[in-house]
Amino acid sequence: MWKWIVGGALVLVVALAGLGWLGYRKLTAGGDSATVVIAASPERVFTSLADPDSMGVWMAAGSQIAASHHGLLVVGDTLHVETGNSGRPRQRYTWTVAEVTPDRLLVLQMRADTSDNVVATRRDSLVPAGDSTIVITTIASPMIDEMRTRRGDTSGKVGGVLLNFGSKVLTAAFRVVSELELKRLKARLEGRPMPTR
């Protein structure tokens, strides 16, 4: 009898580990960037991308964005974002504008509330393509890269594997959110219904 129980538990553990591995592979398969083609000029796309009043519409549903001024973002601006809707806890985070090249580039840095470290960097590049614009959002995780550099080779194999795992999962999570936001921006500019998932 015990053999069947132990065998069943072992099969369950192996199945869960396999599902976890497949989920991790699927999540991280997209790399660190998301791309969308929007049927609008780079000027129009950039205006929606870099205006806090517009961001509240195409960012995750239910987002509230507070900026120090109205109009297009400039280097040094800070955006306070609060996300979530009924039934889910609200989350707050802060983006700082690190770089702006009108109609071509917007770089935002997400900062930790307590340490002011840069948790993630979002780089939105706009490339004209005929009557459309290609938007490429690239995500980086400077905080984990800094931890990896600080620890050097002293972290050992296990520490290095955990840092790589954490970096890939964090980057993939931000990429998935960025993909949804780009699709919502595309829908808004093209006059289509916005995707919710």
N, C-alpha and C. Protein backbone atom coordinates (compact mmCIF):
# COMPACT_ATOMS: atom_id res chain seq x y z
N MET A 1 0.81 -1.20 0.00
CA MET A 1 0.00 0.00 0.00
C MET A 1 0.86 1.27 0.00
N TRP A 2 1.90 1.27 0.86
CA TRP A 2 2.78 2.44 0.94
C TRP A 2 3.52 2.67 -0.36
N LYS A 3 3.84 1.59 -1.06
CA LYS A 3 4.54 1.74 -2.34
C LYS A 3 3.68 2.53 -3.32
N TRP A 4 2.36 2.26 -3.33
CA TRP A 4 1.47 2.97 -4.24
C TRP A 4 1.37 4.46 -3.86
N ILE A 5 1.31 4.74 -2.58
CA ILE A 5 1.20 6.13 -2.11
C ILE A 5 2.48 6.90 -2.45
N VAL A 6 3.64 6.30 -2.13
CA VAL A 6 4.92 6.96 -2.42
C VAL A 6 5.11 7.10 -3.92
N GLY A 7 4.76 6.07 -4.68
CA GLY A 7 4.88 6.12 -6.14
C GLY A 7 3.98 7.21 -6.73
N GLY A 8 2.73 7.29 -6.24
CA GLY A 8 1.80 8.33 -6.72
C GLY A 8 2.30 9.73 -6.38
N ALA A 9 2.84 9.89 -5.16
CA ALA A 9 3.37 11.20 -4.75
C ALA A 9 4.58 11.57 -5.62
N LEU A 10 5.43 10.60 -5.92
CA LEU A 10 6.60 10.85 -6.76
C LEU A 10 6.19 11.26 -8.18
N VAL A 11 5.20 10.57 -8.73
CA VAL A 11 4.70 10.92 -10.06
C VAL A 11 4.13 12.34 -10.05
N LEU A 12 3.39 12.69 -8.99
CA LEU A 12 2.82 14.02 -8.88
C LEU A 12 3.91 15.10 -8.80
N VAL A 13 4.95 14.85 -8.02
CA VAL A 13 6.06 15.81 -7.90
C VAL A 13 6.76 15.99 -9.25
N VAL A 14 7.01 14.90 -9.95
CA VAL A 14 7.67 14.97 -11.26
C VAL A 14 6.78 15.72 -12.26
N ALA A 15 5.48 15.45 -12.23
CA ALA A 15 4.55 16.13 -13.14
C ALA A 15 4.52 17.63 -12.86
N LEU A 16 4.46 18.02 -11.58
CA LEU A 16 4.46 19.44 -11.21
C LEU A 16 5.76 20.12 -11.61
N ALA A 17 6.88 19.44 -11.41
CA ALA A 17 8.18 20.00 -11.81
C ALA A 17 8.22 20.18 -13.32
N GLY A 18 7.70 19.21 -14.07
CA GLY A 18 7.67 19.31 -15.53
C GLY A 18 6.79 20.46 -16.00
N LEU A 19 5.62 20.61 -15.39
CA LEU A 19 4.73 21.73 -15.74
C LEU A 19 5.38 23.07 -15.40
N GLY A 20 6.06 23.13 -14.26
CA GLY A 20 6.75 24.36 -13.89
C GLY A 20 7.84 24.71 -14.88
N TRP A 21 8.59 23.68 -15.32
CA TRP A 21 9.66 23.90 -16.30
C TRP A 21 9.08 24.37 -17.64
N LEU A 22 8.00 23.74 -18.08
CA LEU A 22 7.37 24.15 -19.35
C LEU A 22 6.84 25.58 -19.26
N GLY A 23 6.23 25.93 -18.12
CA GLY A 23 5.74 27.29 -17.93
C GLY A 23 6.87 28.30 -17.96
N TYR A 24 7.98 27.97 -17.30
CA TYR A 24 9.15 28.85 -17.29
C TYR A 24 9.69 29.03 -18.71
N ARG A 25 9.80 27.94 -19.45
CA ARG A 25 10.31 28.01 -20.82
C ARG A 25 9.40 28.85 -21.72
N LYS A 26 8.09 28.68 -21.55
CA LYS A 26 7.14 29.45 -22.36
C LYS A 26 7.21 30.93 -22.01
N LEU A 27 7.30 31.24 -20.71
CA LEU A 27 7.34 32.63 -20.26
C LEU A 27 8.60 33.34 -20.75
N THR A 28 9.74 32.66 -20.69
CA THR A 28 11.01 33.30 -21.04
C THR A 28 11.37 33.18 -22.51
N ALA A 29 10.58 32.45 -23.30
CA ALA A 29 10.91 32.23 -24.72
C ALA A 29 10.86 33.51 -25.54
N GLY A 30 10.10 34.50 -25.10
CA GLY A 30 9.96 35.75 -25.85
C GLY A 30 11.13 36.70 -25.73
N GLY A 31 12.10 36.36 -24.88
CA GLY A 31 13.27 37.21 -24.73
C GLY A 31 12.97 38.47 -23.94
N ASP A 32 13.66 39.56 -24.30
CA ASP A 32 13.54 40.79 -23.52
C ASP A 32 12.85 41.92 -24.27
N SER A 33 12.22 41.62 -25.42
CA SER A 33 11.59 42.70 -26.17
C SER A 33 10.23 42.30 -26.74
N ALA A 34 9.41 43.32 -26.94
CA ALA A 34 8.08 43.17 -27.55
C ALA A 34 8.00 44.15 -28.71
N THR A 35 7.36 43.74 -29.80
CA THR A 35 7.27 44.58 -30.99
C THR A 35 5.83 44.61 -31.49
N VAL A 36 5.41 45.80 -31.94
CA VAL A 36 4.09 45.95 -32.54
C VAL A 36 4.19 46.98 -33.66
N VAL A 37 3.38 46.76 -34.70
CA VAL A 37 3.31 47.72 -35.81
C VAL A 37 1.99 48.46 -35.68
N ILE A 38 2.08 49.79 -35.61
CA ILE A 38 0.89 50.62 -35.43
C ILE A 38 0.66 51.45 -36.68
N ALA A 39 -0.56 51.44 -37.18
CA ALA A 39 -0.91 52.20 -38.39
C ALA A 39 -1.10 53.67 -38.02
N ALA A 40 0.01 54.33 -37.73
CA ALA A 40 0.01 55.76 -37.39
C ALA A 40 1.43 56.28 -37.55
N SER A 41 1.56 57.59 -37.67
CA SER A 41 2.89 58.19 -37.83
C SER A 41 3.68 58.13 -36.53
N PRO A 42 5.02 58.18 -36.61
CA PRO A 42 5.83 58.19 -35.38
C PRO A 42 5.47 59.35 -34.45
N GLU A 43 5.12 60.50 -35.02
CA GLU A 43 4.74 61.65 -34.20
C GLU A 43 3.50 61.34 -33.36
N ARG A 44 2.51 60.75 -34.01
CA ARG A 44 1.25 60.45 -33.31
C ARG A 44 1.46 59.36 -32.26
N VAL A 45 2.25 58.34 -32.61
CA VAL A 45 2.53 57.26 -31.66
C VAL A 45 3.29 57.81 -30.46
N PHE A 46 4.32 58.61 -30.72
CA PHE A 46 5.13 59.15 -29.64
C PHE A 46 4.30 60.04 -28.72
N THR A 47 3.41 60.84 -29.29
CA THR A 47 2.56 61.72 -28.49
C THR A 47 1.72 60.91 -27.51
N SER A 48 1.18 59.78 -27.94
CA SER A 48 0.39 58.93 -27.04
C SER A 48 1.28 58.18 -26.05
N LEU A 49 2.46 57.78 -26.52
CA LEU A 49 3.38 57.01 -25.70
C LEU A 49 3.98 57.85 -24.57
N ALA A 50 4.24 59.13 -24.82
CA ALA A 50 4.99 59.97 -23.89
C ALA A 50 4.13 61.03 -23.21
N ASP A 51 2.81 60.87 -23.22
CA ASP A 51 1.93 61.83 -22.56
C ASP A 51 1.23 61.13 -21.40
N PRO A 52 1.49 61.56 -20.16
CA PRO A 52 0.87 60.90 -18.99
C PRO A 52 -0.65 60.84 -19.06
N ASP A 53 -1.30 61.87 -19.66
CA ASP A 53 -2.76 61.84 -19.77
C ASP A 53 -3.22 60.69 -20.66
N SER A 54 -2.44 60.38 -21.70
CA SER A 54 -2.76 59.28 -22.60
C SER A 54 -2.39 57.93 -22.00
N MET A 55 -1.33 57.89 -21.22
CA MET A 55 -0.84 56.63 -20.65
C MET A 55 -1.90 55.92 -19.81
N GLY A 56 -2.69 56.69 -19.09
CA GLY A 56 -3.72 56.09 -18.26
C GLY A 56 -4.75 55.32 -19.05
N VAL A 57 -4.85 55.59 -20.37
CA VAL A 57 -5.82 54.92 -21.22
C VAL A 57 -5.26 53.59 -21.73
N TRP A 58 -4.01 53.58 -22.19
CA TRP A 58 -3.51 52.36 -22.82
C TRP A 58 -2.68 51.48 -21.90
N MET A 59 -2.28 51.99 -20.75
CA MET A 59 -1.58 51.11 -19.81
C MET A 59 -2.59 50.12 -19.24
N ALA A 60 -2.12 49.23 -18.40
CA ALA A 60 -2.98 48.19 -17.84
C ALA A 60 -4.30 48.78 -17.36
N ALA A 61 -5.38 48.06 -17.60
CA ALA A 61 -6.72 48.55 -17.26
C ALA A 61 -6.79 48.97 -15.81
N GLY A 62 -7.37 50.13 -15.58
CA GLY A 62 -7.54 50.62 -14.22
C GLY A 62 -6.35 51.39 -13.68
N SER A 63 -5.34 51.64 -14.51
CA SER A 63 -4.16 52.38 -14.04
C SER A 63 -4.50 53.84 -13.82
N GLN A 64 -3.88 54.39 -12.79
CA GLN A 64 -3.96 55.83 -12.54
C GLN A 64 -2.53 56.36 -12.55
N ILE A 65 -2.31 57.41 -13.31
CA ILE A 65 -0.96 57.94 -13.45
C ILE A 65 -0.93 59.39 -13.00
N ALA A 66 -0.01 59.69 -12.11
CA ALA A 66 0.16 61.07 -11.63
C ALA A 66 1.53 61.56 -12.08
N ALA A 67 1.54 62.69 -12.77
CA ALA A 67 2.79 63.30 -13.23
C ALA A 67 2.85 64.72 -12.70
N SER A 68 4.05 65.28 -12.74
CA SER A 68 4.25 66.62 -12.19
C SER A 68 3.67 67.71 -13.09
N HIS A 69 3.38 67.39 -14.36
CA HIS A 69 2.82 68.38 -15.28
C HIS A 69 2.07 67.68 -16.40
N HIS A 70 1.27 68.43 -17.14
CA HIS A 70 0.59 67.90 -18.32
C HIS A 70 1.51 68.07 -19.51
N GLY A 71 1.24 67.33 -20.57
CA GLY A 71 2.05 67.43 -21.78
C GLY A 71 3.10 66.34 -21.84
N LEU A 72 3.92 66.41 -22.89
CA LEU A 72 4.92 65.37 -23.12
C LEU A 72 5.96 65.30 -22.02
N LEU A 73 6.45 64.09 -21.78
CA LEU A 73 7.46 63.85 -20.76
C LEU A 73 8.81 64.43 -21.19
N VAL A 74 9.58 64.85 -20.21
CA VAL A 74 10.95 65.28 -20.44
C VAL A 74 11.85 64.54 -19.47
N VAL A 75 13.14 64.53 -19.76
CA VAL A 75 14.10 63.83 -18.90
C VAL A 75 14.00 64.38 -17.47
N GLY A 76 13.95 63.46 -16.52
CA GLY A 76 13.85 63.84 -15.12
C GLY A 76 12.45 63.78 -14.56
N ASP A 77 11.42 63.72 -15.41
CA ASP A 77 10.04 63.62 -14.92
C ASP A 77 9.85 62.32 -14.15
N THR A 78 8.94 62.36 -13.20
CA THR A 78 8.60 61.18 -12.42
C THR A 78 7.12 60.87 -12.59
N LEU A 79 6.83 59.61 -12.83
CA LEU A 79 5.44 59.14 -12.98
C LEU A 79 5.13 58.20 -11.83
N HIS A 80 4.06 58.49 -11.10
CA HIS A 80 3.59 57.60 -10.05
C HIS A 80 2.41 56.83 -10.62
N VAL A 81 2.55 55.52 -10.69
CA VAL A 81 1.52 54.67 -11.31
C VAL A 81 0.90 53.79 -10.23
N GLU A 82 -0.43 53.72 -10.27
CA GLU A 82 -1.16 52.84 -9.37
C GLU A 82 -2.04 51.96 -10.24
N THR A 83 -1.86 50.64 -10.12
CA THR A 83 -2.60 49.71 -10.96
C THR A 83 -3.52 48.85 -10.10
N GLY A 84 -4.41 48.15 -10.79
CA GLY A 84 -5.32 47.23 -10.12
C GLY A 84 -6.75 47.71 -10.31
N ASN A 85 -7.67 46.78 -10.17
CA ASN A 85 -9.08 47.13 -10.26
C ASN A 85 -9.84 46.33 -9.23
N SER A 86 -11.15 46.40 -9.27
CA SER A 86 -11.95 45.75 -8.23
C SER A 86 -11.60 44.28 -8.11
N GLY A 87 -11.43 43.86 -6.87
CA GLY A 87 -11.14 42.46 -6.61
C GLY A 87 -9.66 42.15 -6.51
N ARG A 88 -8.80 43.06 -6.97
CA ARG A 88 -7.36 42.82 -6.88
C ARG A 88 -6.70 43.93 -6.07
N PRO A 89 -5.66 43.60 -5.33
CA PRO A 89 -4.99 44.65 -4.56
C PRO A 89 -4.31 45.66 -5.49
N ARG A 90 -4.30 46.91 -5.05
CA ARG A 90 -3.66 47.96 -5.85
C ARG A 90 -2.16 47.91 -5.64
N GLN A 91 -1.42 48.18 -6.71
CA GLN A 91 0.04 48.21 -6.65
C GLN A 91 0.50 49.58 -7.07
N ARG A 92 1.53 50.07 -6.40
CA ARG A 92 2.09 51.38 -6.73
C ARG A 92 3.55 51.23 -7.12
N TYR A 93 3.94 51.97 -8.13
CA TYR A 93 5.35 52.01 -8.51
C TYR A 93 5.66 53.33 -9.18
N THR A 94 6.95 53.61 -9.32
CA THR A 94 7.40 54.90 -9.84
C THR A 94 8.32 54.69 -11.03
N TRP A 95 8.05 55.43 -12.11
CA TRP A 95 8.92 55.45 -13.28
C TRP A 95 9.59 56.83 -13.34
N THR A 96 10.87 56.85 -13.69
CA THR A 96 11.59 58.09 -13.91
C THR A 96 11.99 58.14 -15.38
N VAL A 97 11.82 59.28 -16.02
CA VAL A 97 12.18 59.42 -17.43
C VAL A 97 13.69 59.63 -17.52
N ALA A 98 14.37 58.70 -18.19
CA ALA A 98 15.83 58.74 -18.28
C ALA A 98 16.32 59.33 -19.59
N GLU A 99 15.55 59.16 -20.67
CA GLU A 99 15.99 59.64 -21.98
C GLU A 99 14.77 59.87 -22.87
N VAL A 100 14.80 60.96 -23.63
CA VAL A 100 13.72 61.27 -24.58
C VAL A 100 14.34 61.80 -25.86
N THR A 101 13.99 61.16 -26.98
CA THR A 101 14.29 61.69 -28.31
C THR A 101 12.94 61.75 -29.02
N PRO A 102 12.39 62.96 -29.21
CA PRO A 102 11.04 63.07 -29.76
C PRO A 102 10.84 62.25 -31.03
N ASP A 103 9.72 61.53 -31.06
CA ASP A 103 9.29 60.70 -32.19
C ASP A 103 10.20 59.51 -32.46
N ARG A 104 11.17 59.25 -31.57
CA ARG A 104 12.09 58.12 -31.81
C ARG A 104 12.33 57.24 -30.59
N LEU A 105 12.42 57.83 -29.38
CA LEU A 105 12.86 57.04 -28.22
C LEU A 105 12.32 57.60 -26.91
N LEU A 106 11.89 56.68 -26.03
CA LEU A 106 11.50 57.02 -24.67
C LEU A 106 12.05 55.93 -23.75
N VAL A 107 12.85 56.34 -22.77
CA VAL A 107 13.45 55.39 -21.82
C VAL A 107 12.95 55.72 -20.43
N LEU A 108 12.31 54.74 -19.78
CA LEU A 108 11.80 54.88 -18.42
C LEU A 108 12.53 53.91 -17.50
N GLN A 109 12.76 54.36 -16.27
CA GLN A 109 13.39 53.50 -15.26
C GLN A 109 12.44 53.34 -14.09
N MET A 110 12.13 52.07 -13.73
CA MET A 110 11.31 51.81 -12.56
C MET A 110 12.24 51.75 -11.35
N ARG A 111 11.89 52.53 -10.34
CA ARG A 111 12.74 52.60 -9.15
C ARG A 111 12.04 51.96 -7.95
N ALA A 112 12.84 51.30 -7.11
CA ALA A 112 12.32 50.72 -5.87
C ALA A 112 12.00 51.85 -4.91
N ASP A 113 10.88 51.73 -4.19
CA ASP A 113 10.46 52.79 -3.27
C ASP A 113 11.43 52.98 -2.11
N THR A 114 11.99 51.89 -1.61
CA THR A 114 12.82 51.99 -0.41
C THR A 114 14.28 52.34 -0.71
N SER A 115 14.88 51.71 -1.72
CA SER A 115 16.31 51.89 -1.96
C SER A 115 16.61 52.85 -3.10
N ASP A 116 15.62 53.21 -3.90
CA ASP A 116 15.80 54.06 -5.08
C ASP A 116 16.66 53.40 -6.15
N ASN A 117 16.89 52.08 -6.03
CA ASN A 117 17.61 51.35 -7.08
C ASN A 117 16.72 51.20 -8.30
N VAL A 118 17.35 51.12 -9.48
CA VAL A 118 16.61 50.89 -10.72
C VAL A 118 16.29 49.40 -10.82
N VAL A 119 15.01 49.07 -10.70
CA VAL A 119 14.56 47.68 -10.76
C VAL A 119 14.49 47.20 -12.20
N ALA A 120 13.94 48.05 -13.08
CA ALA A 120 13.78 47.67 -14.48
C ALA A 120 13.88 48.92 -15.34
N THR A 121 14.31 48.71 -16.58
CA THR A 121 14.38 49.78 -17.56
C THR A 121 13.52 49.39 -18.75
N ARG A 122 12.69 50.32 -19.19
CA ARG A 122 11.84 50.11 -20.37
C ARG A 122 12.29 51.09 -21.45
N ARG A 123 12.68 50.55 -22.60
CA ARG A 123 13.18 51.37 -23.71
C ARG A 123 12.24 51.20 -24.89
N ASP A 124 11.46 52.25 -25.21
CA ASP A 124 10.52 52.22 -26.33
C ASP A 124 11.16 52.93 -27.53
N SER A 125 11.48 52.16 -28.58
CA SER A 125 12.08 52.72 -29.79
C SER A 125 11.03 52.74 -30.89
N LEU A 126 10.95 53.86 -31.63
CA LEU A 126 9.98 54.01 -32.72
C LEU A 126 10.73 54.04 -34.04
N VAL A 127 10.29 53.21 -34.99
CA VAL A 127 10.92 53.12 -36.30
C VAL A 127 9.85 53.35 -37.36
N PRO A 128 10.00 54.40 -38.20
CA PRO A 128 9.01 54.61 -39.26
C PRO A 128 9.03 53.47 -40.28
N ALA A 129 7.84 53.08 -40.74
CA ALA A 129 7.72 52.01 -41.74
C ALA A 129 6.57 52.37 -42.67
N GLY A 130 6.86 53.20 -43.68
CA GLY A 130 5.81 53.66 -44.58
C GLY A 130 4.82 54.53 -43.84
N ASP A 131 3.52 54.15 -43.89
CA ASP A 131 2.48 54.90 -43.18
C ASP A 131 2.33 54.44 -41.73
N SER A 132 3.15 53.49 -41.31
CA SER A 132 3.03 52.92 -39.97
C SER A 132 4.29 53.19 -39.15
N THR A 133 4.23 52.75 -37.91
CA THR A 133 5.38 52.88 -37.01
C THR A 133 5.58 51.55 -36.29
N ILE A 134 6.83 51.09 -36.28
CA ILE A 134 7.18 49.90 -35.51
C ILE A 134 7.64 50.38 -34.14
N VAL A 135 7.01 49.85 -33.09
CA VAL A 135 7.42 50.17 -31.72
C VAL A 135 8.08 48.93 -31.14
N ILE A 136 9.32 49.09 -30.70
CA ILE A 136 10.06 47.99 -30.09
C ILE A 136 10.33 48.36 -28.64
N THR A 137 9.77 47.60 -27.72
CA THR A 137 9.98 47.83 -26.30
C THR A 137 10.96 46.78 -25.79
N THR A 138 12.07 47.25 -25.23
CA THR A 138 13.10 46.36 -24.69
C THR A 138 13.17 46.56 -23.18
N ILE A 139 13.20 45.45 -22.47
CA ILE A 139 13.22 45.46 -21.01
C ILE A 139 14.59 44.98 -20.52
N ALA A 140 15.11 45.66 -19.50
CA ALA A 140 16.35 45.23 -18.86
C ALA A 140 16.16 45.28 -17.35
N SER A 141 16.98 44.54 -16.64
CA SER A 141 16.89 44.51 -15.18
C SER A 141 18.25 44.87 -14.57
N PRO A 142 18.55 46.17 -14.49
CA PRO A 142 19.84 46.60 -13.96
C PRO A 142 20.11 46.15 -12.53
N MET A 143 19.06 46.03 -11.72
CA MET A 143 19.25 45.64 -10.32
C MET A 143 19.86 44.25 -10.22
N ILE A 144 19.33 43.31 -11.00
CA ILE A 144 19.87 41.95 -10.94
C ILE A 144 21.25 41.90 -11.59
N ASP A 145 21.45 42.66 -12.68
CA ASP A 145 22.78 42.71 -13.29
C ASP A 145 23.80 43.26 -12.31
N GLU A 146 23.40 44.28 -11.53
CA GLU A 146 24.30 44.86 -10.53
C GLU A 146 24.61 43.85 -9.43
N MET A 147 23.60 43.09 -9.00
CA MET A 147 23.83 42.06 -7.98
C MET A 147 24.80 41.02 -8.49
N ARG A 148 24.63 40.64 -9.75
CA ARG A 148 25.52 39.64 -10.35
C ARG A 148 26.95 40.17 -10.39
N THR A 149 27.13 41.44 -10.76
CA THR A 149 28.46 42.04 -10.84
C THR A 149 29.08 42.17 -9.46
N ARG A 150 28.27 42.61 -8.48
CA ARG A 150 28.76 42.78 -7.12
C ARG A 150 29.23 41.47 -6.51
N ARG A 151 28.46 40.40 -6.76
CA ARG A 151 28.79 39.10 -6.16
C ARG A 151 29.94 38.43 -6.88
N GLY A 152 30.09 38.75 -8.16
CA GLY A 152 31.19 38.16 -8.94
C GLY A 152 31.11 36.65 -8.94
N ASP A 153 32.26 36.01 -8.87
CA ASP A 153 32.33 34.54 -8.89
C ASP A 153 32.11 33.94 -7.51
N THR A 154 31.96 34.76 -6.47
CA THR A 154 31.82 34.23 -5.11
C THR A 154 30.45 33.63 -4.86
N SER A 155 29.48 33.88 -5.74
CA SER A 155 28.12 33.38 -5.51
C SER A 155 27.99 31.88 -5.76
N GLY A 156 28.96 31.30 -6.45
CA GLY A 156 28.90 29.88 -6.73
C GLY A 156 27.89 29.55 -7.81
N LYS A 157 27.82 28.27 -8.12
CA LYS A 157 26.93 27.85 -9.20
C LYS A 157 25.46 28.04 -8.85
N VAL A 158 25.08 27.70 -7.62
CA VAL A 158 23.67 27.81 -7.23
C VAL A 158 23.24 29.27 -7.24
N GLY A 159 24.05 30.16 -6.67
CA GLY A 159 23.72 31.58 -6.66
C GLY A 159 23.60 32.14 -8.07
N GLY A 160 24.51 31.74 -8.96
CA GLY A 160 24.47 32.19 -10.35
C GLY A 160 23.23 31.71 -11.07
N VAL A 161 22.84 30.47 -10.83
CA VAL A 161 21.63 29.91 -11.45
C VAL A 161 20.40 30.66 -10.95
N LEU A 162 20.34 30.92 -9.65
CA LEU A 162 19.19 31.64 -9.08
C LEU A 162 19.10 33.06 -9.62
N LEU A 163 20.25 33.75 -9.75
CA LEU A 163 20.24 35.10 -10.31
C LEU A 163 19.79 35.09 -11.77
N ASN A 164 20.28 34.12 -12.55
CA ASN A 164 19.85 34.01 -13.95
C ASN A 164 18.36 33.73 -14.03
N PHE A 165 17.88 32.82 -13.20
CA PHE A 165 16.45 32.49 -13.17
C PHE A 165 15.63 33.73 -12.83
N GLY A 166 16.03 34.44 -11.76
CA GLY A 166 15.31 35.63 -11.34
C GLY A 166 15.31 36.71 -12.41
N SER A 167 16.45 36.90 -13.05
CA SER A 167 16.57 37.91 -14.10
C SER A 167 15.65 37.60 -15.27
N LYS A 168 15.65 36.33 -15.70
CA LYS A 168 14.81 35.94 -16.84
C LYS A 168 13.32 36.05 -16.51
N VAL A 169 12.94 35.65 -15.31
CA VAL A 169 11.52 35.71 -14.94
C VAL A 169 11.07 37.17 -14.81
N LEU A 170 11.89 38.01 -14.17
CA LEU A 170 11.53 39.42 -14.03
C LEU A 170 11.42 40.10 -15.39
N THR A 171 12.40 39.87 -16.25
CA THR A 171 12.38 40.46 -17.59
C THR A 171 11.17 39.96 -18.38
N ALA A 172 10.90 38.66 -18.30
CA ALA A 172 9.76 38.10 -19.04
C ALA A 172 8.44 38.67 -18.53
N ALA A 173 8.31 38.84 -17.22
CA ALA A 173 7.07 39.39 -16.67
C ALA A 173 6.84 40.82 -17.17
N PHE A 174 7.90 41.63 -17.16
CA PHE A 174 7.77 43.00 -17.67
C PHE A 174 7.49 43.00 -19.17
N ARG A 175 8.09 42.05 -19.91
CA ARG A 175 7.84 41.97 -21.35
C ARG A 175 6.39 41.63 -21.64
N VAL A 176 5.82 40.69 -20.89
CA VAL A 176 4.42 40.30 -21.10
C VAL A 176 3.50 41.50 -20.86
N VAL A 177 3.76 42.25 -19.79
CA VAL A 177 2.96 43.44 -19.51
C VAL A 177 3.13 44.47 -20.63
N SER A 178 4.37 44.64 -21.09
CA SER A 178 4.65 45.60 -22.17
C SER A 178 3.94 45.21 -23.45
N GLU A 179 3.89 43.91 -23.75
CA GLU A 179 3.18 43.44 -24.96
C GLU A 179 1.71 43.83 -24.90
N LEU A 180 1.08 43.62 -23.75
CA LEU A 180 -0.33 43.98 -23.60
C LEU A 180 -0.51 45.48 -23.75
N GLU A 181 0.39 46.25 -23.13
CA GLU A 181 0.27 47.71 -23.23
C GLU A 181 0.45 48.20 -24.66
N LEU A 182 1.39 47.60 -25.39
CA LEU A 182 1.58 47.99 -26.80
C LEU A 182 0.34 47.65 -27.64
N LYS A 183 -0.27 46.50 -27.35
CA LYS A 183 -1.49 46.13 -28.08
C LYS A 183 -2.63 47.10 -27.77
N ARG A 184 -2.69 47.55 -26.52
CA ARG A 184 -3.72 48.52 -26.14
C ARG A 184 -3.46 49.87 -26.79
N LEU A 185 -2.18 50.27 -26.86
CA LEU A 185 -1.82 51.52 -27.53
C LEU A 185 -2.18 51.44 -29.01
N LYS A 186 -1.86 50.31 -29.63
CA LYS A 186 -2.19 50.10 -31.06
C LYS A 186 -3.70 50.21 -31.27
N ALA A 187 -4.47 49.53 -30.42
CA ALA A 187 -5.93 49.55 -30.56
C ALA A 187 -6.46 50.97 -30.40
N ARG A 188 -5.92 51.69 -29.44
CA ARG A 188 -6.38 53.07 -29.21
C ARG A 188 -6.11 53.96 -30.43
N LEU A 189 -4.90 53.86 -30.97
CA LEU A 189 -4.54 54.72 -32.10
C LEU A 189 -5.22 54.30 -33.40
N GLU A 190 -5.56 53.03 -33.51
CA GLU A 190 -6.23 52.54 -34.73
C GLU A 190 -7.75 52.52 -34.58
N GLY A 191 -8.27 52.98 -33.44
CA GLY A 191 -9.72 53.05 -33.23
C GLY A 191 -10.39 51.70 -33.08
N ARG A 192 -9.69 50.74 -32.49
CA ARG A 192 -10.25 49.39 -32.30
C ARG A 192 -10.53 49.15 -30.82
N PRO A 193 -11.32 48.13 -30.49
CA PRO A 193 -11.55 47.80 -29.08
C PRO A 193 -10.23 47.36 -28.43
N MET A 194 -10.02 47.77 -27.19
CA MET A 194 -8.78 47.46 -26.51
C MET A 194 -8.81 46.06 -25.93
N PRO A 195 -7.72 45.30 -26.12
CA PRO A 195 -7.65 43.96 -25.51
C PRO A 195 -7.53 44.08 -24.00
N THR A 196 -8.11 43.13 -23.30
CA THR A 196 -8.04 43.15 -21.83
C THR A 196 -7.04 42.15 -21.30
N ARG A 197 -6.62 41.18 -22.14
CA ARG A 197 -5.67 40.17 -21.69
C ARG A 197 -4.49 40.14 -22.61
